[in-house]
Amino acid sequence: DVRHLEQRLELTDELRTLAGGHHELAAELHHWRFFDLLGVGAIDDARAEMAALEELAARLGQPLFRALAEGAREGGLTF
């Protein structure tokens, strides 16, 4: 639902500060922020979030984060 998109973007900004060195939380943040940025048409920013998610997923080696990154790519969200 796009009604609360701006609020979600503000929350992810705050969460970015709180995540600190917690890489798993940062990966989830990139995932959710990617979709929120797409919702407001901020394509370049969404690309940056996807790149950050892919980099963290590769570094962490956790199947969940690899699946999140791949799912967006395979779902036609390459741009």
PDB file of N, CA and C in Angstrom:
ATOM      1  N   ASP A   1       0.842  -1.169   0.000  1.00  0.00           N
ATOM      2  CA  ASP A   1       0.000   0.000   0.000  1.00  0.00           C
ATOM      3  C   ASP A   1       0.893   1.240   0.000  1.00  0.00           C
ATOM      4  N   VAL A   2       0.677   2.125  -0.942  1.00  0.00           N
ATOM      5  CA  VAL A   2       1.529   3.305  -1.073  1.00  0.00           C
ATOM      6  C   VAL A   2       1.092   4.471  -0.178  1.00  0.00           C
ATOM      7  N   ARG A   3      -0.001   4.299   0.548  1.00  0.00           N
ATOM      8  CA  ARG A   3      -0.473   5.405   1.386  1.00  0.00           C
ATOM      9  C   ARG A   3       0.535   5.819   2.449  1.00  0.00           C
ATOM     10  N   HIS A   4       1.345   4.891   2.906  1.00  0.00           N
ATOM     11  CA  HIS A   4       2.282   5.184   3.989  1.00  0.00           C
ATOM     12  C   HIS A   4       3.733   5.107   3.524  1.00  0.00           C
ATOM     13  N   LEU A   5       3.940   5.288   2.246  1.00  0.00           N
ATOM     14  CA  LEU A   5       5.266   5.126   1.663  1.00  0.00           C
ATOM     15  C   LEU A   5       6.285   6.108   2.226  1.00  0.00           C
ATOM     16  N   GLU A   6       5.917   7.348   2.334  1.00  0.00           N
ATOM     17  CA  GLU A   6       6.853   8.355   2.861  1.00  0.00           C
ATOM     18  C   GLU A   6       7.235   8.027   4.303  1.00  0.00           C
ATOM     19  N   GLN A   7       6.277   7.564   5.081  1.00  0.00           N
ATOM     20  CA  GLN A   7       6.556   7.198   6.467  1.00  0.00           C
ATOM     21  C   GLN A   7       7.504   5.998   6.514  1.00  0.00           C
ATOM     22  N   ARG A   8       7.302   5.024   5.633  1.00  0.00           N
ATOM     23  CA  ARG A   8       8.194   3.869   5.599  1.00  0.00           C
ATOM     24  C   ARG A   8       9.605   4.283   5.221  1.00  0.00           C
ATOM     25  N   LEU A   9       9.738   5.221   4.300  1.00  0.00           N
ATOM     26  CA  LEU A   9      11.071   5.699   3.931  1.00  0.00           C
ATOM     27  C   LEU A   9      11.746   6.396   5.115  1.00  0.00           C
ATOM     28  N   GLU A  10      10.986   7.163   5.864  1.00  0.00           N
ATOM     29  CA  GLU A  10      11.543   7.809   7.058  1.00  0.00           C
ATOM     30  C   GLU A  10      11.987   6.764   8.078  1.00  0.00           C
ATOM     31  N   LEU A  11      11.185   5.734   8.240  1.00  0.00           N
ATOM     32  CA  LEU A  11      11.533   4.680   9.194  1.00  0.00           C
ATOM     33  C   LEU A  11      12.785   3.924   8.770  1.00  0.00           C
ATOM     34  N   THR A  12      12.938   3.679   7.475  1.00  0.00           N
ATOM     35  CA  THR A  12      14.150   2.981   7.043  1.00  0.00           C
ATOM     36  C   THR A  12      15.379   3.868   7.196  1.00  0.00           C
ATOM     37  N   ASP A  13      15.214   5.177   7.076  1.00  0.00           N
ATOM     38  CA  ASP A  13      16.330   6.088   7.367  1.00  0.00           C
ATOM     39  C   ASP A  13      16.752   5.943   8.829  1.00  0.00           C
ATOM     40  N   GLU A  14      15.766   5.903   9.707  1.00  0.00           N
ATOM     41  CA  GLU A  14      16.057   5.758  11.133  1.00  0.00           C
ATOM     42  C   GLU A  14      16.662   4.388  11.425  1.00  0.00           C
ATOM     43  N   LEU A  15      16.119   3.373  10.801  1.00  0.00           N
ATOM     44  CA  LEU A  15      16.632   2.025  11.004  1.00  0.00           C
ATOM     45  C   LEU A  15      18.078   1.897  10.522  1.00  0.00           C
ATOM     46  N   ARG A  16      18.430   2.597   9.471  1.00  0.00           N
ATOM     47  CA  ARG A  16      19.804   2.573   8.960  1.00  0.00           C
ATOM     48  C   ARG A  16      20.772   3.015  10.068  1.00  0.00           C
ATOM     49  N   THR A  17      20.391   4.018  10.822  1.00  0.00           N
ATOM     50  CA  THR A  17      21.212   4.510  11.921  1.00  0.00           C
ATOM     51  C   THR A  17      21.291   3.463  13.037  1.00  0.00           C
ATOM     52  N   LEU A  18      20.173   2.840  13.336  1.00  0.00           N
ATOM     53  CA  LEU A  18      20.122   1.871  14.424  1.00  0.00           C
ATOM     54  C   LEU A  18      20.803   0.557  14.078  1.00  0.00           C
ATOM     55  N   ALA A  19      20.866   0.207  12.799  1.00  0.00           N
ATOM     56  CA  ALA A  19      21.440  -1.074  12.382  1.00  0.00           C
ATOM     57  C   ALA A  19      22.919  -1.165  12.721  1.00  0.00           C
ATOM     58  N   GLY A  20      23.609  -0.035  12.680  1.00  0.00           N
ATOM     59  CA  GLY A  20      25.030  -0.037  13.018  1.00  0.00           C
ATOM     60  C   GLY A  20      25.782  -1.103  12.256  1.00  0.00           C
ATOM     61  N   GLY A  21      26.461  -1.979  12.974  1.00  0.00           N
ATOM     62  CA  GLY A  21      27.238  -3.038  12.343  1.00  0.00           C
ATOM     63  C   GLY A  21      26.497  -4.351  12.213  1.00  0.00           C
ATOM     64  N   HIS A  22      25.190  -4.334  12.388  1.00  0.00           N
ATOM     65  CA  HIS A  22      24.395  -5.555  12.291  1.00  0.00           C
ATOM     66  C   HIS A  22      24.065  -5.815  10.821  1.00  0.00           C
ATOM     67  N   HIS A  23      24.848  -6.665  10.190  1.00  0.00           N
ATOM     68  CA  HIS A  23      24.753  -6.850   8.738  1.00  0.00           C
ATOM     69  C   HIS A  23      23.445  -7.498   8.279  1.00  0.00           C
ATOM     70  N   GLU A  24      22.910  -8.410   9.075  1.00  0.00           N
ATOM     71  CA  GLU A  24      21.652  -9.047   8.688  1.00  0.00           C
ATOM     72  C   GLU A  24      20.509  -8.032   8.696  1.00  0.00           C
ATOM     73  N   LEU A  25      20.490  -7.176   9.702  1.00  0.00           N
ATOM     74  CA  LEU A  25      19.465  -6.137   9.760  1.00  0.00           C
ATOM     75  C   LEU A  25      19.634  -5.157   8.601  1.00  0.00           C
ATOM     76  N   ALA A  26      20.870  -4.829   8.283  1.00  0.00           N
ATOM     77  CA  ALA A  26      21.131  -3.935   7.156  1.00  0.00           C
ATOM     78  C   ALA A  26      20.650  -4.555   5.845  1.00  0.00           C
ATOM     79  N   ALA A  27      20.827  -5.859   5.675  1.00  0.00           N
ATOM     80  CA  ALA A  27      20.370  -6.528   4.458  1.00  0.00           C
ATOM     81  C   ALA A  27      18.849  -6.437   4.330  1.00  0.00           C
ATOM     82  N   GLU A  28      18.150  -6.681   5.423  1.00  0.00           N
ATOM     83  CA  GLU A  28      16.687  -6.553   5.384  1.00  0.00           C
ATOM     84  C   GLU A  28      16.279  -5.119   5.075  1.00  0.00           C
ATOM     85  N   LEU A  29      16.986  -4.179   5.644  1.00  0.00           N
ATOM     86  CA  LEU A  29      16.717  -2.767   5.386  1.00  0.00           C
ATOM     87  C   LEU A  29      16.844  -2.458   3.897  1.00  0.00           C
ATOM     88  N   HIS A  30      17.911  -2.916   3.266  1.00  0.00           N
ATOM     89  CA  HIS A  30      18.099  -2.676   1.829  1.00  0.00           C
ATOM     90  C   HIS A  30      16.952  -3.292   1.025  1.00  0.00           C
ATOM     91  N   HIS A  31      16.530  -4.474   1.428  1.00  0.00           N
ATOM     92  CA  HIS A  31      15.444  -5.162   0.725  1.00  0.00           C
ATOM     93  C   HIS A  31      14.155  -4.352   0.758  1.00  0.00           C
ATOM     94  N   TRP A  32      13.735  -3.953   1.950  1.00  0.00           N
ATOM     95  CA  TRP A  32      12.483  -3.204   2.070  1.00  0.00           C
ATOM     96  C   TRP A  32      12.588  -1.814   1.454  1.00  0.00           C
ATOM     97  N   ARG A  33      13.715  -1.166   1.643  1.00  0.00           N
ATOM     98  CA  ARG A  33      13.889   0.183   1.093  1.00  0.00           C
ATOM     99  C   ARG A  33      13.884   0.150  -0.435  1.00  0.00           C
ATOM    100  N   PHE A  34      14.438  -0.902  -1.016  1.00  0.00           N
ATOM    101  CA  PHE A  34      14.422  -1.079  -2.471  1.00  0.00           C
ATOM    102  C   PHE A  34      12.992  -0.965  -3.003  1.00  0.00           C
ATOM    103  N   PHE A  35      12.075  -1.715  -2.424  1.00  0.00           N
ATOM    104  CA  PHE A  35      10.692  -1.703  -2.899  1.00  0.00           C
ATOM    105  C   PHE A  35      10.004  -0.368  -2.624  1.00  0.00           C
ATOM    106  N   ASP A  36      10.290   0.230  -1.484  1.00  0.00           N
ATOM    107  CA  ASP A  36       9.689   1.535  -1.180  1.00  0.00           C
ATOM    108  C   ASP A  36      10.171   2.595  -2.168  1.00  0.00           C
ATOM    109  N   LEU A  37      11.449   2.560  -2.502  1.00  0.00           N
ATOM    110  CA  LEU A  37      11.980   3.533  -3.467  1.00  0.00           C
ATOM    111  C   LEU A  37      11.394   3.322  -4.854  1.00  0.00           C
ATOM    112  N   LEU A  38      11.188   2.071  -5.234  1.00  0.00           N
ATOM    113  CA  LEU A  38      10.508   1.817  -6.508  1.00  0.00           C
ATOM    114  C   LEU A  38       9.113   2.427  -6.496  1.00  0.00           C
ATOM    115  N   GLY A  39       8.455   2.348  -5.345  1.00  0.00           N
ATOM    116  CA  GLY A  39       7.099   2.875  -5.212  1.00  0.00           C
ATOM    117  C   GLY A  39       6.998   4.366  -5.421  1.00  0.00           C
ATOM    118  N   VAL A  40       8.079   5.098  -5.148  1.00  0.00           N
ATOM    119  CA  VAL A  40       8.061   6.550  -5.361  1.00  0.00           C
ATOM    120  C   VAL A  40       8.799   6.936  -6.642  1.00  0.00           C
ATOM    121  N   GLY A  41       9.229   5.926  -7.405  1.00  0.00           N
ATOM    122  CA  GLY A  41       9.875   6.203  -8.686  1.00  0.00           C
ATOM    123  C   GLY A  41      11.327   6.630  -8.581  1.00  0.00           C
ATOM    124  N   ALA A  42      11.968   6.359  -7.458  1.00  0.00           N
ATOM    125  CA  ALA A  42      13.382   6.720  -7.271  1.00  0.00           C
ATOM    126  C   ALA A  42      14.249   5.551  -7.745  1.00  0.00           C
ATOM    127  N   ILE A  43      14.319   5.389  -9.065  1.00  0.00           N
ATOM    128  CA  ILE A  43      14.954   4.221  -9.664  1.00  0.00           C
ATOM    129  C   ILE A  43      16.443   4.129  -9.340  1.00  0.00           C
ATOM    130  N   ASP A  44      17.164   5.221  -9.457  1.00  0.00           N
ATOM    131  CA  ASP A  44      18.606   5.179  -9.173  1.00  0.00           C
ATOM    132  C   ASP A  44      18.875   4.806  -7.721  1.00  0.00           C
ATOM    133  N   ASP A  45      18.093   5.351  -6.814  1.00  0.00           N
ATOM    134  CA  ASP A  45      18.253   5.014  -5.399  1.00  0.00           C
ATOM    135  C   ASP A  45      17.897   3.545  -5.148  1.00  0.00           C
ATOM    136  N   ALA A  46      16.864   3.061  -5.824  1.00  0.00           N
ATOM    137  CA  ALA A  46      16.479   1.652  -5.693  1.00  0.00           C
ATOM    138  C   ALA A  46      17.601   0.750  -6.208  1.00  0.00           C
ATOM    139  N   ARG A  47      18.224   1.139  -7.303  1.00  0.00           N
ATOM    140  CA  ARG A  47      19.366   0.364  -7.820  1.00  0.00           C
ATOM    141  C   ARG A  47      20.484   0.293  -6.791  1.00  0.00           C
ATOM    142  N   ALA A  48      20.754   1.398  -6.130  1.00  0.00           N
ATOM    143  CA  ALA A  48      21.810   1.422  -5.119  1.00  0.00           C
ATOM    144  C   ALA A  48      21.464   0.491  -3.954  1.00  0.00           C
ATOM    145  N   GLU A  49      20.203   0.466  -3.542  1.00  0.00           N
ATOM    146  CA  GLU A  49      19.791  -0.427  -2.462  1.00  0.00           C
ATOM    147  C   GLU A  49      19.929  -1.887  -2.893  1.00  0.00           C
ATOM    148  N   MET A  50      19.549  -2.187  -4.130  1.00  0.00           N
ATOM    149  CA  MET A  50      19.671  -3.559  -4.627  1.00  0.00           C
ATOM    150  C   MET A  50      21.135  -3.976  -4.683  1.00  0.00           C
ATOM    151  N   ALA A  51      21.996  -3.087  -5.144  1.00  0.00           N
ATOM    152  CA  ALA A  51      23.427  -3.400  -5.207  1.00  0.00           C
ATOM    153  C   ALA A  51      23.980  -3.663  -3.804  1.00  0.00           C
ATOM    154  N   ALA A  52      23.565  -2.859  -2.842  1.00  0.00           N
ATOM    155  CA  ALA A  52      24.018  -3.048  -1.465  1.00  0.00           C
ATOM    156  C   ALA A  52      23.512  -4.372  -0.907  1.00  0.00           C
ATOM    157  N   LEU A  53      22.264  -4.718  -1.214  1.00  0.00           N
ATOM    158  CA  LEU A  53      21.713  -5.995  -0.766  1.00  0.00           C
ATOM    159  C   LEU A  53      22.481  -7.150  -1.389  1.00  0.00           C
ATOM    160  N   GLU A  54      22.749  -7.070  -2.676  1.00  0.00           N
ATOM    161  CA  GLU A  54      23.472  -8.154  -3.354  1.00  0.00           C
ATOM    162  C   GLU A  54      24.879  -8.316  -2.780  1.00  0.00           C
ATOM    163  N   GLU A  55      25.531  -7.208  -2.486  1.00  0.00           N
ATOM    164  CA  GLU A  55      26.885  -7.263  -1.927  1.00  0.00           C
ATOM    165  C   GLU A  55      26.863  -7.891  -0.534  1.00  0.00           C
ATOM    166  N   LEU A  56      25.919  -7.468   0.288  1.00  0.00           N
ATOM    167  CA  LEU A  56      25.807  -8.044   1.633  1.00  0.00           C
ATOM    168  C   LEU A  56      25.420  -9.516   1.575  1.00  0.00           C
ATOM    169  N   ALA A  57      24.519  -9.865   0.675  1.00  0.00           N
ATOM    170  CA  ALA A  57      24.091 -11.260   0.545  1.00  0.00           C
ATOM    171  C   ALA A  57      25.276 -12.142   0.163  1.00  0.00           C
ATOM    172  N   ALA A  58      26.106 -11.680  -0.744  1.00  0.00           N
ATOM    173  CA  ALA A  58      27.282 -12.453  -1.147  1.00  0.00           C
ATOM    174  C   ALA A  58      28.266 -12.583   0.011  1.00  0.00           C
ATOM    175  N   ARG A  59      28.441 -11.507   0.748  1.00  0.00           N
ATOM    176  CA  ARG A  59      29.390 -11.516   1.857  1.00  0.00           C
ATOM    177  C   ARG A  59      28.897 -12.383   3.018  1.00  0.00           C
ATOM    178  N   LEU A  60      27.593 -12.293   3.317  1.00  0.00           N
ATOM    179  CA  LEU A  60      27.053 -13.054   4.436  1.00  0.00           C
ATOM    180  C   LEU A  60      26.909 -14.537   4.113  1.00  0.00           C
ATOM    181  N   GLY A  61      26.631 -14.829   2.839  1.00  0.00           N
ATOM    182  CA  GLY A  61      26.469 -16.217   2.430  1.00  0.00           C
ATOM    183  C   GLY A  61      25.238 -16.893   3.004  1.00  0.00           C
ATOM    184  N   GLN A  62      24.277 -16.119   3.453  1.00  0.00           N
ATOM    185  CA  GLN A  62      23.058 -16.682   4.028  1.00  0.00           C
ATOM    186  C   GLN A  62      22.001 -16.847   2.940  1.00  0.00           C
ATOM    187  N   PRO A  63      21.417 -18.025   2.858  1.00  0.00           N
ATOM    188  CA  PRO A  63      20.436 -18.291   1.804  1.00  0.00           C
ATOM    189  C   PRO A  63      19.273 -17.294   1.768  1.00  0.00           C
ATOM    190  N   LEU A  64      18.808 -16.843   2.923  1.00  0.00           N
ATOM    191  CA  LEU A  64      17.673 -15.911   2.960  1.00  0.00           C
ATOM    192  C   LEU A  64      17.982 -14.649   2.173  1.00  0.00           C
ATOM    193  N   PHE A  65      19.119 -14.054   2.418  1.00  0.00           N
ATOM    194  CA  PHE A  65      19.443 -12.784   1.765  1.00  0.00           C
ATOM    195  C   PHE A  65      19.769 -12.975   0.292  1.00  0.00           C
ATOM    196  N   ARG A  66      20.368 -14.098  -0.041  1.00  0.00           N
ATOM    197  CA  ARG A  66      20.588 -14.397  -1.462  1.00  0.00           C
ATOM    198  C   ARG A  66      19.245 -14.562  -2.174  1.00  0.00           C
ATOM    199  N   ALA A  67      18.306 -15.229  -1.503  1.00  0.00           N
ATOM    200  CA  ALA A  67      16.979 -15.426  -2.094  1.00  0.00           C
ATOM    201  C   ALA A  67      16.244 -14.107  -2.264  1.00  0.00           C
ATOM    202  N   LEU A  68      16.362 -13.196  -1.306  1.00  0.00           N
ATOM    203  CA  LEU A  68      15.707 -11.889  -1.427  1.00  0.00           C
ATOM    204  C   LEU A  68      16.244 -11.128  -2.637  1.00  0.00           C
ATOM    205  N   ALA A  69      17.560 -11.129  -2.799  1.00  0.00           N
ATOM    206  CA  ALA A  69      18.171 -10.424  -3.921  1.00  0.00           C
ATOM    207  C   ALA A  69      17.803 -11.090  -5.248  1.00  0.00           C
ATOM    208  N   GLU A  70      17.895 -12.398  -5.303  1.00  0.00           N
ATOM    209  CA  GLU A  70      17.573 -13.120  -6.532  1.00  0.00           C
ATOM    210  C   GLU A  70      16.090 -13.019  -6.863  1.00  0.00           C
ATOM    211  N   GLY A  71      15.254 -13.064  -5.843  1.00  0.00           N
ATOM    212  CA  GLY A  71      13.807 -12.994  -6.068  1.00  0.00           C
ATOM    213  C   GLY A  71      13.411 -11.708  -6.755  1.00  0.00           C
ATOM    214  N   ALA A  72      14.026 -10.609  -6.363  1.00  0.00           N
ATOM    215  CA  ALA A  72      13.727  -9.335  -7.003  1.00  0.00           C
ATOM    216  C   ALA A  72      14.212  -9.342  -8.445  1.00  0.00           C
ATOM    217  N   ARG A  73      15.367  -9.895  -8.674  1.00  0.00           N
ATOM    218  CA  ARG A  73      15.920  -9.947 -10.036  1.00  0.00           C
ATOM    219  C   ARG A  73      15.069 -10.856 -10.931  1.00  0.00           C
ATOM    220  N   GLU A  74      14.758 -12.049 -10.448  1.00  0.00           N
ATOM    221  CA  GLU A  74      14.001 -13.011 -11.245  1.00  0.00           C
ATOM    222  C   GLU A  74      12.554 -12.591 -11.434  1.00  0.00           C
ATOM    223  N   GLY A  75      12.058 -11.771 -10.542  1.00  0.00           N
ATOM    224  CA  GLY A  75      10.677 -11.319 -10.633  1.00  0.00           C
ATOM    225  C   GLY A  75      10.471 -10.198 -11.632  1.00  0.00           C
ATOM    226  N   GLY A  76      11.487  -9.966 -12.458  1.00  0.00           N
ATOM    227  CA  GLY A  76      11.359  -8.943 -13.485  1.00  0.00           C
ATOM    228  C   GLY A  76      11.722  -7.550 -12.998  1.00  0.00           C
ATOM    229  N   LEU A  77      12.396  -7.482 -11.875  1.00  0.00           N
ATOM    230  CA  LEU A  77      12.739  -6.164 -11.332  1.00  0.00           C
ATOM    231  C   LEU A  77      14.148  -5.739 -11.724  1.00  0.00           C
ATOM    232  N   THR A  78      14.613  -6.243 -12.844  1.00  0.00           N
ATOM    233  CA  THR A  78      15.890  -5.760 -13.365  1.00  0.00           C
ATOM    234  C   THR A  78      15.591  -4.514 -14.177  1.00  0.00           C
ATOM    235  N   PHE A  79      16.365  -3.515 -13.995  1.00  0.00           N
ATOM    236  CA  PHE A  79      16.110  -2.244 -14.681  1.00  0.00           C
ATOM    237  C   PHE A  79      17.390  -1.522 -14.912  1.00  0.00           C
TER     238      PHE A  79
END
